[in-house]
Amino acid sequence: MSRRPSIGEAEVLVRLEAACRSAGGQRAWARRHGVSQTAVSEVIRGIRGEHGIPPGILAGLGLRAVARAYESANATESGKER
């Protein structure tokens, strides 16, 4: 099984903004994909809390979330734990 290339959050935002422009605005895109315009606006403005980009928005872009990476809360800037 080949691995699909992943994209970063910045690319997701670029795609969402372009999709909204193409659809005639955030409200039109949101309505077409069954998500709230507020959620679309919050993602574009960077207000999405600890849960990341909502699954409905990702699905509307033809994307899905993959596991996130985590690091130790005790890591220092040099990468060593305290």
N, C-alpha and C. Protein backbone atom coordinates (compact mmCIF):
# COMPACT_ATOMS: atom_id res chain seq x y z
N MET A 1 0.84 -1.17 0.00
CA MET A 1 0.00 0.00 0.00
C MET A 1 0.90 1.24 0.00
N SER A 2 0.68 2.15 -0.95
CA SER A 2 1.50 3.36 -0.99
C SER A 2 0.93 4.41 -0.05
N ARG A 3 1.83 5.19 0.47
CA ARG A 3 1.44 6.22 1.42
C ARG A 3 1.06 7.50 0.67
N ARG A 4 -0.04 8.09 1.04
CA ARG A 4 -0.48 9.33 0.41
C ARG A 4 0.31 10.50 1.00
N PRO A 5 0.63 11.48 0.17
CA PRO A 5 1.34 12.64 0.72
C PRO A 5 0.44 13.44 1.66
N SER A 6 0.99 13.91 2.74
CA SER A 6 0.20 14.71 3.67
C SER A 6 0.49 16.19 3.43
N ILE A 7 -0.46 17.01 3.85
CA ILE A 7 -0.29 18.46 3.72
C ILE A 7 -0.43 19.08 5.10
N GLY A 8 0.13 20.23 5.26
CA GLY A 8 0.06 20.93 6.53
C GLY A 8 -1.20 21.79 6.64
N GLU A 9 -1.40 22.29 7.85
CA GLU A 9 -2.58 23.11 8.11
C GLU A 9 -2.60 24.36 7.23
N ALA A 10 -1.45 24.94 6.97
CA ALA A 10 -1.40 26.14 6.13
C ALA A 10 -1.95 25.86 4.74
N GLU A 11 -1.64 24.70 4.18
CA GLU A 11 -2.14 24.32 2.86
C GLU A 11 -3.65 24.09 2.91
N VAL A 12 -4.14 23.52 4.00
CA VAL A 12 -5.59 23.32 4.16
C VAL A 12 -6.28 24.69 4.13
N LEU A 13 -5.71 25.66 4.81
CA LEU A 13 -6.32 26.99 4.84
C LEU A 13 -6.31 27.63 3.45
N VAL A 14 -5.21 27.47 2.72
CA VAL A 14 -5.14 27.99 1.35
C VAL A 14 -6.23 27.37 0.50
N ARG A 15 -6.39 26.06 0.63
CA ARG A 15 -7.43 25.35 -0.14
C ARG A 15 -8.83 25.79 0.26
N LEU A 16 -9.06 25.99 1.55
CA LEU A 16 -10.38 26.42 2.02
C LEU A 16 -10.70 27.81 1.51
N GLU A 17 -9.75 28.71 1.61
CA GLU A 17 -9.98 30.08 1.11
C GLU A 17 -10.28 30.08 -0.38
N ALA A 18 -9.52 29.30 -1.15
CA ALA A 18 -9.75 29.22 -2.60
C ALA A 18 -11.11 28.60 -2.90
N ALA A 19 -11.48 27.57 -2.16
CA ALA A 19 -12.77 26.92 -2.37
C ALA A 19 -13.92 27.88 -2.07
N CYS A 20 -13.76 28.68 -1.02
CA CYS A 20 -14.80 29.66 -0.67
C CYS A 20 -14.93 30.72 -1.76
N ARG A 21 -13.79 31.20 -2.26
CA ARG A 21 -13.84 32.19 -3.35
C ARG A 21 -14.55 31.60 -4.57
N SER A 22 -14.20 30.39 -4.90
CA SER A 22 -14.77 29.72 -6.07
C SER A 22 -16.28 29.49 -5.92
N ALA A 23 -16.72 29.25 -4.69
CA ALA A 23 -18.14 28.98 -4.42
C ALA A 23 -18.96 30.27 -4.31
N GLY A 24 -18.29 31.42 -4.25
CA GLY A 24 -19.01 32.68 -4.10
C GLY A 24 -19.03 33.19 -2.68
N GLY A 25 -18.19 32.64 -1.83
CA GLY A 25 -18.09 33.12 -0.44
C GLY A 25 -18.19 31.99 0.57
N GLN A 26 -17.86 32.33 1.79
CA GLN A 26 -17.88 31.34 2.89
C GLN A 26 -19.26 30.75 3.10
N ARG A 27 -20.26 31.59 3.10
CA ARG A 27 -21.62 31.11 3.35
C ARG A 27 -22.06 30.10 2.29
N ALA A 28 -21.79 30.42 1.03
CA ALA A 28 -22.17 29.52 -0.06
C ALA A 28 -21.43 28.18 0.05
N TRP A 29 -20.12 28.23 0.33
CA TRP A 29 -19.35 27.00 0.45
C TRP A 29 -19.85 26.17 1.63
N ALA A 30 -20.07 26.85 2.75
CA ALA A 30 -20.53 26.15 3.96
C ALA A 30 -21.88 25.48 3.72
N ARG A 31 -22.80 26.18 3.11
CA ARG A 31 -24.13 25.63 2.83
C ARG A 31 -24.02 24.41 1.91
N ARG A 32 -23.17 24.52 0.90
CA ARG A 32 -22.99 23.43 -0.06
C ARG A 32 -22.42 22.16 0.59
N HIS A 33 -21.66 22.34 1.67
CA HIS A 33 -20.99 21.20 2.30
C HIS A 33 -21.56 20.84 3.68
N GLY A 34 -22.65 21.47 4.06
CA GLY A 34 -23.34 21.11 5.29
C GLY A 34 -22.61 21.48 6.58
N VAL A 35 -21.85 22.56 6.53
CA VAL A 35 -21.18 23.05 7.74
C VAL A 35 -21.60 24.49 7.98
N SER A 36 -21.35 24.98 9.17
CA SER A 36 -21.76 26.35 9.46
C SER A 36 -20.75 27.36 8.91
N GLN A 37 -21.26 28.49 8.49
CA GLN A 37 -20.39 29.56 7.99
C GLN A 37 -19.49 30.04 9.13
N THR A 38 -19.99 30.00 10.35
CA THR A 38 -19.19 30.40 11.51
C THR A 38 -17.96 29.51 11.64
N ALA A 39 -18.16 28.20 11.48
CA ALA A 39 -17.02 27.27 11.58
C ALA A 39 -15.99 27.56 10.49
N VAL A 40 -16.45 27.81 9.28
CA VAL A 40 -15.55 28.13 8.17
C VAL A 40 -14.77 29.40 8.49
N SER A 41 -15.46 30.42 8.94
CA SER A 41 -14.82 31.68 9.29
C SER A 41 -13.79 31.51 10.40
N GLU A 42 -14.15 30.73 11.41
CA GLU A 42 -13.22 30.52 12.53
C GLU A 42 -11.97 29.77 12.10
N VAL A 43 -12.12 28.81 11.21
CA VAL A 43 -10.94 28.09 10.71
C VAL A 43 -10.04 29.05 9.94
N ILE A 44 -10.63 29.83 9.06
CA ILE A 44 -9.84 30.77 8.25
C ILE A 44 -9.14 31.80 9.14
N ARG A 45 -9.81 32.24 10.19
CA ARG A 45 -9.22 33.25 11.09
C ARG A 45 -8.30 32.64 12.14
N GLY A 46 -8.21 31.31 12.18
CA GLY A 46 -7.31 30.66 13.14
C GLY A 46 -7.92 30.45 14.51
N ILE A 47 -9.24 30.53 14.62
CA ILE A 47 -9.94 30.33 15.90
C ILE A 47 -10.61 28.97 15.84
N ARG A 48 -9.91 27.92 16.25
CA ARG A 48 -10.54 26.61 16.17
C ARG A 48 -10.27 25.76 17.40
N GLY A 49 -9.65 26.32 18.41
CA GLY A 49 -9.45 25.60 19.66
C GLY A 49 -8.51 24.43 19.52
N GLU A 50 -8.55 23.56 20.48
CA GLU A 50 -7.61 22.43 20.52
C GLU A 50 -8.03 21.27 19.62
N HIS A 51 -9.20 21.34 19.02
CA HIS A 51 -9.71 20.22 18.24
C HIS A 51 -9.34 20.28 16.76
N GLY A 52 -8.68 21.33 16.34
CA GLY A 52 -8.26 21.43 14.95
C GLY A 52 -9.40 21.75 14.01
N ILE A 53 -9.18 21.46 12.76
CA ILE A 53 -10.16 21.77 11.72
C ILE A 53 -11.27 20.73 11.77
N PRO A 54 -12.53 21.17 11.83
CA PRO A 54 -13.67 20.23 11.92
C PRO A 54 -13.70 19.23 10.76
N PRO A 55 -14.08 17.99 11.05
CA PRO A 55 -14.14 16.95 10.02
C PRO A 55 -15.02 17.32 8.82
N GLY A 56 -16.11 18.03 9.05
CA GLY A 56 -17.00 18.40 7.95
C GLY A 56 -16.33 19.34 6.96
N ILE A 57 -15.49 20.22 7.46
CA ILE A 57 -14.75 21.13 6.57
C ILE A 57 -13.71 20.34 5.79
N LEU A 58 -12.99 19.48 6.48
CA LEU A 58 -12.00 18.65 5.79
C LEU A 58 -12.66 17.81 4.70
N ALA A 59 -13.80 17.19 5.03
CA ALA A 59 -14.51 16.37 4.05
C ALA A 59 -14.93 17.19 2.84
N GLY A 60 -15.38 18.40 3.07
CA GLY A 60 -15.78 19.28 1.97
C GLY A 60 -14.63 19.62 1.04
N LEU A 61 -13.42 19.54 1.57
CA LEU A 61 -12.22 19.79 0.77
C LEU A 61 -11.63 18.50 0.20
N GLY A 62 -12.29 17.37 0.49
CA GLY A 62 -11.78 16.09 0.04
C GLY A 62 -10.59 15.60 0.84
N LEU A 63 -10.53 16.03 2.10
CA LEU A 63 -9.41 15.67 2.98
C LEU A 63 -9.92 14.93 4.21
N ARG A 64 -9.02 14.35 4.95
CA ARG A 64 -9.34 13.75 6.25
C ARG A 64 -8.16 13.99 7.17
N ALA A 65 -8.44 14.00 8.46
CA ALA A 65 -7.39 14.21 9.45
C ALA A 65 -6.62 12.91 9.67
N VAL A 66 -5.35 13.06 9.96
CA VAL A 66 -4.52 11.92 10.35
C VAL A 66 -3.98 12.21 11.75
N ALA A 67 -3.42 11.20 12.37
CA ALA A 67 -2.95 11.36 13.75
C ALA A 67 -2.01 12.56 13.89
N ARG A 68 -2.15 13.23 15.00
CA ARG A 68 -1.27 14.36 15.31
C ARG A 68 -0.04 13.86 16.03
N ALA A 69 0.99 14.66 16.02
CA ALA A 69 2.22 14.34 16.76
C ALA A 69 2.17 15.05 18.11
N TYR A 70 2.82 14.46 19.08
CA TYR A 70 2.87 15.04 20.42
C TYR A 70 4.31 15.04 20.90
N GLU A 71 4.61 15.96 21.81
CA GLU A 71 5.94 16.00 22.41
C GLU A 71 5.81 16.15 23.91
N SER A 72 6.86 15.85 24.61
CA SER A 72 6.87 15.95 26.06
C SER A 72 6.68 17.39 26.50
N ALA A 73 5.85 17.60 27.49
CA ALA A 73 5.65 18.94 28.04
C ALA A 73 6.88 19.40 28.80
N ASN A 74 7.76 18.47 29.12
CA ASN A 74 8.97 18.79 29.86
C ASN A 74 10.18 19.02 28.97
N ALA A 75 9.99 19.00 27.67
CA ALA A 75 11.12 19.19 26.75
C ALA A 75 11.63 20.62 26.81
N THR A 76 12.93 20.77 26.77
CA THR A 76 13.54 22.10 26.72
C THR A 76 13.80 22.44 25.27
N GLU A 77 14.29 23.63 25.01
CA GLU A 77 14.54 24.03 23.64
C GLU A 77 15.60 23.16 22.97
N SER A 78 16.53 22.62 23.74
CA SER A 78 17.57 21.77 23.16
C SER A 78 17.06 20.36 22.88
N GLY A 79 15.82 20.06 23.26
CA GLY A 79 15.25 18.75 23.01
C GLY A 79 15.45 17.77 24.13
N LYS A 80 16.15 18.16 25.20
CA LYS A 80 16.36 17.27 26.33
C LYS A 80 15.28 17.49 27.35
N GLU A 81 14.87 16.41 28.00
CA GLU A 81 13.86 16.53 29.04
C GLU A 81 14.49 16.99 30.34
N ARG A 82 13.70 17.71 31.11
CA ARG A 82 14.19 18.18 32.42
C ARG A 82 14.17 17.08 33.42
